[in-house]
C-alpha cells in the first residue's frame, strides 16, 4: 500500500477517533478494514494507530492480536455498525480504496 493511502486511512481514523481508537473497537475496526485492505496494509495502519494513540497503554502486540481475532472470529454486528458509523462520520469511503 502506498504511504499516501496509509496516511488517508489514518486520517479518517483520527477524524473518527480524535482521542484514539478504544480497545473495544479494535476487532470490529480491523474486521472492517480487512474487507478493504490486505492483511499487510491493515497491519501498516495498525502500526500508525499505535504511533499516534495517546489515550493509554497500547502496544503493537495488542493491535496484532486484535487483527488476528478479527480474522478468526467475526465481530458482533452491533459493534461493526457502531464502528462503521464512526468511520462514516470521519469520511470513510463507501467504495473500496484504490492504492
PDB file of N, CA and C in Angstrom:
ATOM      1  N   UNK A   1       0.861  -1.174   0.000  1.00  0.00           N
ATOM      2  CA  UNK A   1       0.000   0.000   0.000  1.00  0.00           C
ATOM      3  C   UNK A   1       0.896   1.221   0.000  1.00  0.00           C
ATOM      4  N   UNK A   2       0.530   2.158  -0.774  1.00  0.00           N
ATOM      5  CA  UNK A   2       1.301   3.401  -0.822  1.00  0.00           C
ATOM      6  C   UNK A   2       1.195   4.137   0.510  1.00  0.00           C
ATOM      7  N   UNK A   3       2.281   4.818   0.850  1.00  0.00           N
ATOM      8  CA  UNK A   3       2.296   5.564   2.115  1.00  0.00           C
ATOM      9  C   UNK A   3       1.155   6.564   2.172  1.00  0.00           C
ATOM     10  N   UNK A   4       0.797   7.151   1.031  1.00  0.00           N
ATOM     11  CA  UNK A   4      -0.308   8.105   0.994  1.00  0.00           C
ATOM     12  C   UNK A   4      -1.641   7.472   1.361  1.00  0.00           C
ATOM     13  N   UNK A   5      -1.832   6.228   0.945  1.00  0.00           N
ATOM     14  CA  UNK A   5      -3.077   5.535   1.274  1.00  0.00           C
ATOM     15  C   UNK A   5      -3.148   5.238   2.763  1.00  0.00           C
ATOM     16  N   UNK A   6      -2.020   4.811   3.358  1.00  0.00           N
ATOM     17  CA  UNK A   6      -1.993   4.584   4.811  1.00  0.00           C
ATOM     18  C   UNK A   6      -2.308   5.890   5.526  1.00  0.00           C
ATOM     19  N   UNK A   7      -1.715   6.974   5.064  1.00  0.00           N
ATOM     20  CA  UNK A   7      -1.967   8.283   5.677  1.00  0.00           C
ATOM     21  C   UNK A   7      -3.438   8.661   5.575  1.00  0.00           C
ATOM     22  N   UNK A   8      -4.089   8.354   4.438  1.00  0.00           N
ATOM     23  CA  UNK A   8      -5.523   8.662   4.298  1.00  0.00           C
ATOM     24  C   UNK A   8      -6.347   7.868   5.300  1.00  0.00           C
ATOM     25  N   UNK A   9      -6.054   6.581   5.420  1.00  0.00           N
ATOM     26  CA  UNK A   9      -6.812   5.743   6.359  1.00  0.00           C
ATOM     27  C   UNK A   9      -6.604   6.240   7.780  1.00  0.00           C
ATOM     28  N   UNK A  10      -5.371   6.528   8.149  1.00  0.00           N
ATOM     29  CA  UNK A  10      -5.085   7.033   9.493  1.00  0.00           C
ATOM     30  C   UNK A  10      -5.774   8.377   9.700  1.00  0.00           C
ATOM     31  N   UNK A  11      -5.825   9.214   8.673  1.00  0.00           N
ATOM     32  CA  UNK A  11      -6.541  10.488   8.763  1.00  0.00           C
ATOM     33  C   UNK A  11      -8.008  10.287   9.074  1.00  0.00           C
ATOM     34  N   UNK A  12      -8.632   9.314   8.394  1.00  0.00           N
ATOM     35  CA  UNK A  12     -10.044   9.018   8.689  1.00  0.00           C
ATOM     36  C   UNK A  12     -10.205   8.536  10.116  1.00  0.00           C
ATOM     37  N   UNK A  13      -9.271   7.695  10.562  1.00  0.00           N
ATOM     38  CA  UNK A  13      -9.356   7.195  11.937  1.00  0.00           C
ATOM     39  C   UNK A  13      -9.189   8.323  12.948  1.00  0.00           C
ATOM     40  N   UNK A  14      -8.277   9.230  12.680  1.00  0.00           N
ATOM     41  CA  UNK A  14      -8.078  10.356  13.595  1.00  0.00           C
ATOM     42  C   UNK A  14      -9.303  11.255  13.637  1.00  0.00           C
ATOM     43  N   UNK A  15      -9.969  11.420  12.511  1.00  0.00           N
ATOM     44  CA  UNK A  15     -11.191  12.218  12.489  1.00  0.00           C
ATOM     45  C   UNK A  15     -12.294  11.524  13.277  1.00  0.00           C
ATOM     46  N   UNK A  16     -12.438  10.223  13.053  1.00  0.00           N
ATOM     47  CA  UNK A  16     -13.492   9.471  13.739  1.00  0.00           C
ATOM     48  C   UNK A  16     -13.192   9.214  15.203  1.00  0.00           C
ATOM     49  N   UNK A  17     -11.923   9.080  15.520  1.00  0.00           N
ATOM     50  CA  UNK A  17     -11.484   8.772  16.885  1.00  0.00           C
ATOM     51  C   UNK A  17     -10.429   9.788  17.323  1.00  0.00           C
ATOM     52  N   UNK A  18     -10.818  11.026  17.549  1.00  0.00           N
ATOM     53  CA  UNK A  18      -9.809  12.051  17.877  1.00  0.00           C
ATOM     54  C   UNK A  18      -9.027  11.756  19.156  1.00  0.00           C
ATOM     55  N   UNK A  19      -9.578  10.981  20.068  1.00  0.00           N
ATOM     56  CA  UNK A  19      -8.880  10.636  21.307  1.00  0.00           C
ATOM     57  C   UNK A  19      -8.156   9.307  21.226  1.00  0.00           C
ATOM     58  N   UNK A  20      -8.130   8.700  20.054  1.00  0.00           N
ATOM     59  CA  UNK A  20      -7.526   7.384  19.880  1.00  0.00           C
ATOM     60  C   UNK A  20      -8.594   6.316  19.782  1.00  0.00           C
ATOM     61  N   UNK A  21      -8.264   5.217  19.152  1.00  0.00           N
ATOM     62  CA  UNK A  21      -9.213   4.116  18.973  1.00  0.00           C
ATOM     63  C   UNK A  21      -9.309   3.337  20.280  1.00  0.00           C
ATOM     64  N   UNK A  22     -10.522   3.243  20.853  1.00  0.00           N
ATOM     65  CA  UNK A  22     -10.658   2.462  22.092  1.00  0.00           C
ATOM     66  C   UNK A  22     -10.448   0.969  21.807  1.00  0.00           C
ATOM     67  N   UNK A  23      -9.868   0.277  22.751  1.00  0.00           N
ATOM     68  CA  UNK A  23      -9.520  -1.127  22.553  1.00  0.00           C
ATOM     69  C   UNK A  23     -10.730  -1.978  22.159  1.00  0.00           C
ATOM     70  N   UNK A  24     -11.922  -1.670  22.701  1.00  0.00           N
ATOM     71  CA  UNK A  24     -13.091  -2.476  22.368  1.00  0.00           C
ATOM     72  C   UNK A  24     -13.531  -2.302  20.916  1.00  0.00           C
ATOM     73  N   UNK A  25     -12.981  -1.332  20.208  1.00  0.00           N
ATOM     74  CA  UNK A  25     -13.299  -1.153  18.786  1.00  0.00           C
ATOM     75  C   UNK A  25     -12.272  -1.789  17.865  1.00  0.00           C
ATOM     76  N   UNK A  26     -11.182  -2.350  18.411  1.00  0.00           N
ATOM     77  CA  UNK A  26     -10.144  -2.925  17.556  1.00  0.00           C
ATOM     78  C   UNK A  26     -10.681  -4.028  16.649  1.00  0.00           C
ATOM     79  N   UNK A  27     -11.338  -5.023  17.231  1.00  0.00           N
ATOM     80  CA  UNK A  27     -11.772  -6.171  16.432  1.00  0.00           C
ATOM     81  C   UNK A  27     -12.731  -5.749  15.320  1.00  0.00           C
ATOM     82  N   UNK A  28     -13.810  -4.997  15.624  1.00  0.00           N
ATOM     83  CA  UNK A  28     -14.682  -4.601  14.514  1.00  0.00           C
ATOM     84  C   UNK A  28     -13.985  -3.670  13.524  1.00  0.00           C
ATOM     85  N   UNK A  29     -13.112  -2.789  14.018  1.00  0.00           N
ATOM     86  CA  UNK A  29     -12.390  -1.886  13.119  1.00  0.00           C
ATOM     87  C   UNK A  29     -11.520  -2.671  12.155  1.00  0.00           C
ATOM     88  N   UNK A  30     -10.720  -3.598  12.677  1.00  0.00           N
ATOM     89  CA  UNK A  30      -9.833  -4.347  11.803  1.00  0.00           C
ATOM     90  C   UNK A  30     -10.602  -5.317  10.915  1.00  0.00           C
ATOM     91  N   UNK A  31     -11.756  -5.784  11.374  1.00  0.00           N
ATOM     92  CA  UNK A  31     -12.594  -6.604  10.506  1.00  0.00           C
ATOM     93  C   UNK A  31     -13.098  -5.771   9.329  1.00  0.00           C
ATOM     94  N   UNK A  32     -13.525  -4.539   9.606  1.00  0.00           N
ATOM     95  CA  UNK A  32     -13.973  -3.662   8.523  1.00  0.00           C
ATOM     96  C   UNK A  32     -12.832  -3.290   7.593  1.00  0.00           C
ATOM     97  N   UNK A  33     -11.675  -2.939   8.152  1.00  0.00           N
ATOM     98  CA  UNK A  33     -10.528  -2.601   7.312  1.00  0.00           C
ATOM     99  C   UNK A  33     -10.109  -3.803   6.473  1.00  0.00           C
ATOM    100  N   UNK A  34     -10.204  -4.989   7.062  1.00  0.00           N
ATOM    101  CA  UNK A  34      -9.830  -6.207   6.347  1.00  0.00           C
ATOM    102  C   UNK A  34     -10.705  -6.510   5.157  1.00  0.00           C
ATOM    103  N   UNK A  35     -11.862  -5.877   5.072  1.00  0.00           N
ATOM    104  CA  UNK A  35     -12.729  -6.050   3.908  1.00  0.00           C
ATOM    105  C   UNK A  35     -12.250  -5.200   2.737  1.00  0.00           C
ATOM    106  N   UNK A  36     -11.412  -4.206   3.035  1.00  0.00           N
ATOM    107  CA  UNK A  36     -10.919  -3.283   2.009  1.00  0.00           C
ATOM    108  C   UNK A  36      -9.419  -3.414   1.798  1.00  0.00           C
ATOM    109  N   UNK A  37      -8.690  -3.663   2.884  1.00  0.00           N
ATOM    110  CA  UNK A  37      -7.236  -3.686   2.840  1.00  0.00           C
ATOM    111  C   UNK A  37      -6.712  -5.112   2.957  1.00  0.00           C
ATOM    112  N   UNK A  38      -5.495  -5.335   2.494  1.00  0.00           N
ATOM    113  CA  UNK A  38      -4.857  -6.629   2.721  1.00  0.00           C
ATOM    114  C   UNK A  38      -4.425  -6.718   4.179  1.00  0.00           C
ATOM    115  N   UNK A  39      -4.004  -7.916   4.592  1.00  0.00           N
ATOM    116  CA  UNK A  39      -3.519  -8.093   5.964  1.00  0.00           C
ATOM    117  C   UNK A  39      -2.328  -7.174   6.223  1.00  0.00           C
ATOM    118  N   UNK A  40      -1.400  -7.110   5.295  1.00  0.00           N
ATOM    119  CA  UNK A  40      -0.220  -6.253   5.476  1.00  0.00           C
ATOM    120  C   UNK A  40      -0.602  -4.782   5.535  1.00  0.00           C
ATOM    121  N   UNK A  41      -1.543  -4.371   4.711  1.00  0.00           N
ATOM    122  CA  UNK A  41      -1.997  -2.974   4.735  1.00  0.00           C
ATOM    123  C   UNK A  41      -2.675  -2.656   6.067  1.00  0.00           C
ATOM    124  N   UNK A  42      -3.491  -3.584   6.540  1.00  0.00           N
ATOM    125  CA  UNK A  42      -4.156  -3.390   7.826  1.00  0.00           C
ATOM    126  C   UNK A  42      -3.119  -3.275   8.940  1.00  0.00           C
ATOM    127  N   UNK A  43      -2.072  -4.092   8.882  1.00  0.00           N
ATOM    128  CA  UNK A  43      -1.008  -4.023   9.883  1.00  0.00           C
ATOM    129  C   UNK A  43      -0.292  -2.674   9.811  1.00  0.00           C
ATOM    130  N   UNK A  44      -0.040  -2.166   8.603  1.00  0.00           N
ATOM    131  CA  UNK A  44       0.592  -0.846   8.457  1.00  0.00           C
ATOM    132  C   UNK A  44      -0.253   0.239   9.119  1.00  0.00           C
ATOM    133  N   UNK A  45      -1.559   0.171   8.889  1.00  0.00           N
ATOM    134  CA  UNK A  45      -2.463   1.150   9.513  1.00  0.00           C
ATOM    135  C   UNK A  45      -2.433   0.977  11.024  1.00  0.00           C
ATOM    136  N   UNK A  46      -2.455  -0.274  11.499  1.00  0.00           N
ATOM    137  CA  UNK A  46      -2.432  -0.528  12.943  1.00  0.00           C
ATOM    138  C   UNK A  46      -1.169   0.036  13.579  1.00  0.00           C
ATOM    139  N   UNK A  47      -0.043  -0.106  12.912  1.00  0.00           N
ATOM    140  CA  UNK A  47       1.201   0.436  13.454  1.00  0.00           C
ATOM    141  C   UNK A  47       1.138   1.959  13.546  1.00  0.00           C
ATOM    142  N   UNK A  48       0.500   2.591  12.584  1.00  0.00           N
ATOM    143  CA  UNK A  48       0.326   4.042  12.653  1.00  0.00           C
ATOM    144  C   UNK A  48      -0.607   4.421  13.801  1.00  0.00           C
ATOM    145  N   UNK A  49      -1.661   3.619  14.016  1.00  0.00           N
ATOM    146  CA  UNK A  49      -2.574   3.865  15.140  1.00  0.00           C
ATOM    147  C   UNK A  49      -1.798   3.822  16.447  1.00  0.00           C
ATOM    148  N   UNK A  50      -0.905   2.848  16.586  1.00  0.00           N
ATOM    149  CA  UNK A  50      -0.097   2.732  17.801  1.00  0.00           C
ATOM    150  C   UNK A  50       0.771   3.974  17.972  1.00  0.00           C
ATOM    151  N   UNK A  51       1.328   4.479  16.883  1.00  0.00           N
ATOM    152  CA  UNK A  51       2.225   5.641  16.976  1.00  0.00           C
ATOM    153  C   UNK A  51       1.510   6.899  17.465  1.00  0.00           C
ATOM    154  N   UNK A  52       0.251   7.105  17.064  1.00  0.00           N
ATOM    155  CA  UNK A  52      -0.407   8.359  17.453  1.00  0.00           C
ATOM    156  C   UNK A  52      -1.346   8.210  18.624  1.00  0.00           C
ATOM    157  N   UNK A  53      -1.585   7.002  19.078  1.00  0.00           N
ATOM    158  CA  UNK A  53      -2.503   6.797  20.204  1.00  0.00           C
ATOM    159  C   UNK A  53      -1.909   7.391  21.480  1.00  0.00           C
ATOM    160  N   UNK A  54      -2.700   8.205  22.147  1.00  0.00           N
ATOM    161  CA  UNK A  54      -2.205   8.782  23.398  1.00  0.00           C
ATOM    162  C   UNK A  54      -3.221   8.632  24.529  1.00  0.00           C
ATOM    163  N   UNK A  55      -4.163   7.714  24.368  1.00  0.00           N
ATOM    164  CA  UNK A  55      -5.210   7.558  25.364  1.00  0.00           C
ATOM    165  C   UNK A  55      -4.929   6.505  26.407  1.00  0.00           C
ATOM    166  N   UNK A  56      -3.719   6.013  26.493  1.00  0.00           N
ATOM    167  CA  UNK A  56      -3.401   4.996  27.473  1.00  0.00           C
ATOM    168  C   UNK A  56      -2.470   3.962  26.887  1.00  0.00           C
ATOM    169  N   UNK A  57      -2.187   2.927  27.654  1.00  0.00           N
ATOM    170  CA  UNK A  57      -1.230   1.933  27.183  1.00  0.00           C
ATOM    171  C   UNK A  57      -1.770   1.145  25.991  1.00  0.00           C
ATOM    172  N   UNK A  58      -0.967   1.065  24.969  1.00  0.00           N
ATOM    173  CA  UNK A  58      -1.310   0.302  23.774  1.00  0.00           C
ATOM    174  C   UNK A  58       0.021  -0.136  23.171  1.00  0.00           C
ATOM    175  N   UNK A  59       0.059  -1.345  22.677  1.00  0.00           N
ATOM    176  CA  UNK A  59       1.306  -1.785  22.053  1.00  0.00           C
ATOM    177  C   UNK A  59       1.007  -2.566  20.791  1.00  0.00           C
ATOM    178  N   UNK A  60       2.036  -2.791  20.029  1.00  0.00           N
ATOM    179  CA  UNK A  60       1.896  -3.466  18.741  1.00  0.00           C
ATOM    180  C   UNK A  60       1.302  -4.855  18.929  1.00  0.00           C
ATOM    181  N   UNK A  61       1.718  -5.573  19.966  1.00  0.00           N
ATOM    182  CA  UNK A  61       1.199  -6.926  20.178  1.00  0.00           C
ATOM    183  C   UNK A  61      -0.306  -6.946  20.392  1.00  0.00           C
ATOM    184  N   UNK A  62      -0.838  -5.981  21.140  1.00  0.00           N
ATOM    185  CA  UNK A  62      -2.284  -5.971  21.366  1.00  0.00           C
ATOM    186  C   UNK A  62      -3.034  -5.659  20.074  1.00  0.00           C
ATOM    187  N   UNK A  63      -2.475  -4.797  19.250  1.00  0.00           N
ATOM    188  CA  UNK A  63      -3.103  -4.479  17.967  1.00  0.00           C
ATOM    189  C   UNK A  63      -3.034  -5.683  17.040  1.00  0.00           C
ATOM    190  N   UNK A  64      -1.893  -6.332  16.975  1.00  0.00           N
ATOM    191  CA  UNK A  64      -1.775  -7.521  16.130  1.00  0.00           C
ATOM    192  C   UNK A  64      -2.721  -8.625  16.599  1.00  0.00           C
ATOM    193  N   UNK A  65      -2.887  -8.764  17.902  1.00  0.00           N
ATOM    194  CA  UNK A  65      -3.830  -9.753  18.429  1.00  0.00           C
ATOM    195  C   UNK A  65      -5.250  -9.416  18.009  1.00  0.00           C
ATOM    196  N   UNK A  66      -5.590  -8.125  18.002  1.00  0.00           N
ATOM    197  CA  UNK A  66      -6.930  -7.720  17.561  1.00  0.00           C
ATOM    198  C   UNK A  66      -7.126  -8.004  16.077  1.00  0.00           C
ATOM    199  N   UNK A  67      -6.092  -7.783  15.282  1.00  0.00           N
ATOM    200  CA  UNK A  67      -6.190  -8.113  13.858  1.00  0.00           C
ATOM    201  C   UNK A  67      -6.414  -9.608  13.699  1.00  0.00           C
ATOM    202  N   UNK A  68      -5.661 -10.395  14.445  1.00  0.00           N
ATOM    203  CA  UNK A  68      -5.806 -11.846  14.376  1.00  0.00           C
ATOM    204  C   UNK A  68      -7.215 -12.270  14.789  1.00  0.00           C
ATOM    205  N   UNK A  69      -7.734 -11.703  15.880  1.00  0.00           N
ATOM    206  CA  UNK A  69      -9.098 -12.030  16.321  1.00  0.00           C
ATOM    207  C   UNK A  69     -10.110 -11.642  15.253  1.00  0.00           C
ATOM    208  N   UNK A  70      -9.877 -10.509  14.596  1.00  0.00           N
ATOM    209  CA  UNK A  70     -10.811 -10.040  13.567  1.00  0.00           C
ATOM    210  C   UNK A  70     -10.849 -10.996  12.385  1.00  0.00           C
ATOM    211  N   UNK A  71      -9.746 -11.687  12.127  1.00  0.00           N
ATOM    212  CA  UNK A  71      -9.739 -12.629  11.015  1.00  0.00           C
ATOM    213  C   UNK A  71     -10.261 -13.998  11.420  1.00  0.00           C
ATOM    214  N   UNK A  72     -10.216 -14.320  12.711  1.00  0.00           N
ATOM    215  CA  UNK A  72     -10.633 -15.646  13.166  1.00  0.00           C
ATOM    216  C   UNK A  72     -12.067 -15.701  13.670  1.00  0.00           C
ATOM    217  N   UNK A  73     -12.510 -14.637  14.294  1.00  0.00           N
ATOM    218  CA  UNK A  73     -13.860 -14.642  14.853  1.00  0.00           C
ATOM    219  C   UNK A  73     -14.590 -13.389  14.396  1.00  0.00           C
ATOM    220  N   UNK A  74     -15.762 -13.569  13.825  1.00  0.00           N
ATOM    221  CA  UNK A  74     -16.491 -12.392  13.349  1.00  0.00           C
ATOM    222  C   UNK A  74     -16.929 -11.513  14.517  1.00  0.00           C
ATOM    223  N   UNK A  75     -16.812 -10.203  14.354  1.00  0.00           N
ATOM    224  CA  UNK A  75     -17.267  -9.304  15.416  1.00  0.00           C
ATOM    225  C   UNK A  75     -18.795  -9.284  15.467  1.00  0.00           C
ATOM    226  N   UNK A  76     -19.310  -8.823  16.587  1.00  0.00           N
ATOM    227  CA  UNK A  76     -20.758  -8.681  16.722  1.00  0.00           C
ATOM    228  C   UNK A  76     -21.253  -7.613  15.745  1.00  0.00           C
ATOM    229  N   UNK A  77     -22.389  -7.849  15.158  1.00  0.00           N
ATOM    230  CA  UNK A  77     -22.922  -6.919  14.163  1.00  0.00           C
ATOM    231  C   UNK A  77     -23.162  -5.528  14.751  1.00  0.00           C
ATOM    232  N   UNK A  78     -23.571  -5.450  16.027  1.00  0.00           N
ATOM    233  CA  UNK A  78     -23.749  -4.142  16.674  1.00  0.00           C
ATOM    234  C   UNK A  78     -22.422  -3.383  16.763  1.00  0.00           C
ATOM    235  N   UNK A  79     -21.342  -4.110  17.048  1.00  0.00           N
ATOM    236  CA  UNK A  79     -20.023  -3.474  17.109  1.00  0.00           C
ATOM    237  C   UNK A  79     -19.595  -2.980  15.735  1.00  0.00           C
ATOM    238  N   UNK A  80     -19.838  -3.794  14.712  1.00  0.00           N
ATOM    239  CA  UNK A  80     -19.498  -3.384  13.346  1.00  0.00           C
ATOM    240  C   UNK A  80     -20.293  -2.143  12.963  1.00  0.00           C
ATOM    241  N   UNK A  81     -21.571  -2.122  13.278  1.00  0.00           N
ATOM    242  CA  UNK A  81     -22.406  -0.959  12.950  1.00  0.00           C
ATOM    243  C   UNK A  81     -21.912   0.300  13.654  1.00  0.00           C
ATOM    244  N   UNK A  82     -21.521   0.173  14.922  1.00  0.00           N
ATOM    245  CA  UNK A  82     -21.006   1.318  15.668  1.00  0.00           C
ATOM    246  C   UNK A  82     -19.725   1.853  15.046  1.00  0.00           C
ATOM    247  N   UNK A  83     -18.788   0.962  14.743  1.00  0.00           N
ATOM    248  CA  UNK A  83     -17.515   1.385  14.163  1.00  0.00           C
ATOM    249  C   UNK A  83     -17.720   1.917  12.746  1.00  0.00           C
ATOM    250  N   UNK A  84     -18.598   1.291  11.983  1.00  0.00           N
ATOM    251  CA  UNK A  84     -18.897   1.775  10.629  1.00  0.00           C
ATOM    252  C   UNK A  84     -19.434   3.202  10.692  1.00  0.00           C
ATOM    253  N   UNK A  85     -20.281   3.497  11.674  1.00  0.00           N
ATOM    254  CA  UNK A  85     -20.826   4.852  11.818  1.00  0.00           C
ATOM    255  C   UNK A  85     -19.720   5.849  12.160  1.00  0.00           C
ATOM    256  N   UNK A  86     -18.775   5.449  13.015  1.00  0.00           N
ATOM    257  CA  UNK A  86     -17.656   6.334  13.356  1.00  0.00           C
ATOM    258  C   UNK A  86     -16.809   6.605  12.118  1.00  0.00           C
ATOM    259  N   UNK A  87     -16.513   5.555  11.357  1.00  0.00           N
ATOM    260  CA  UNK A  87     -15.713   5.726  10.140  1.00  0.00           C
ATOM    261  C   UNK A  87     -16.439   6.592   9.120  1.00  0.00           C
ATOM    262  N   UNK A  88     -17.731   6.373   8.961  1.00  0.00           N
ATOM    263  CA  UNK A  88     -18.506   7.179   8.014  1.00  0.00           C
ATOM    264  C   UNK A  88     -18.507   8.647   8.419  1.00  0.00           C
ATOM    265  N   UNK A  89     -18.616   8.913   9.702  1.00  0.00           N
ATOM    266  CA  UNK A  89     -18.586  10.301  10.188  1.00  0.00           C
ATOM    267  C   UNK A  89     -17.234  10.935   9.907  1.00  0.00           C
ATOM    268  N   UNK A  90     -16.183  10.113   9.842  1.00  0.00           N
ATOM    269  CA  UNK A  90     -14.850  10.618   9.534  1.00  0.00           C
ATOM    270  C   UNK A  90     -14.575  10.700   8.047  1.00  0.00           C
ATOM    271  N   UNK A  91     -15.561  10.369   7.220  1.00  0.00           N
ATOM    272  CA  UNK A  91     -15.402  10.452   5.778  1.00  0.00           C
ATOM    273  C   UNK A  91     -14.915   9.195   5.105  1.00  0.00           C
ATOM    274  N   UNK A  92     -15.003   8.050   5.800  1.00  0.00           N
ATOM    275  CA  UNK A  92     -14.577   6.792   5.222  1.00  0.00           C
ATOM    276  C   UNK A  92     -15.367   6.519   3.948  1.00  0.00           C
ATOM    277  N   UNK A  93     -14.699   6.214   2.836  1.00  0.00           N
ATOM    278  CA  UNK A  93     -15.418   5.988   1.578  1.00  0.00           C
ATOM    279  C   UNK A  93     -16.221   4.703   1.609  1.00  0.00           C
ATOM    280  N   UNK A  94     -17.370   4.714   0.973  1.00  0.00           N
ATOM    281  CA  UNK A  94     -18.190   3.517   0.908  1.00  0.00           C
ATOM    282  C   UNK A  94     -17.664   2.568  -0.156  1.00  0.00           C
ATOM    283  N   UNK A  95     -16.978   3.093  -1.155  1.00  0.00           N
ATOM    284  CA  UNK A  95     -16.378   2.272  -2.207  1.00  0.00           C
ATOM    285  C   UNK A  95     -14.998   1.819  -1.749  1.00  0.00           C
ATOM    286  N   UNK A  96     -14.475   0.724  -2.343  1.00  0.00           N
ATOM    287  CA  UNK A  96     -13.130   0.282  -1.973  1.00  0.00           C
ATOM    288  C   UNK A  96     -12.074   1.339  -2.232  1.00  0.00           C
ATOM    289  N   UNK A  97     -11.047   1.335  -1.398  1.00  0.00           N
ATOM    290  CA  UNK A  97      -9.932   2.262  -1.563  1.00  0.00           C
ATOM    291  C   UNK A  97      -9.087   1.840  -2.757  1.00  0.00           C
ATOM    292  N   UNK A  98      -8.577   2.802  -3.490  1.00  0.00           N
ATOM    293  CA  UNK A  98      -7.588   2.444  -4.508  1.00  0.00           C
ATOM    294  C   UNK A  98      -6.248   2.970  -4.024  1.00  0.00           C
ATOM    295  N   UNK A  99      -5.249   2.106  -4.113  1.00  0.00           N
ATOM    296  CA  UNK A  99      -3.918   2.422  -3.575  1.00  0.00           C
ATOM    297  C   UNK A  99      -3.221   3.503  -4.359  1.00  0.00           C
TER     298      UNK A  99
END
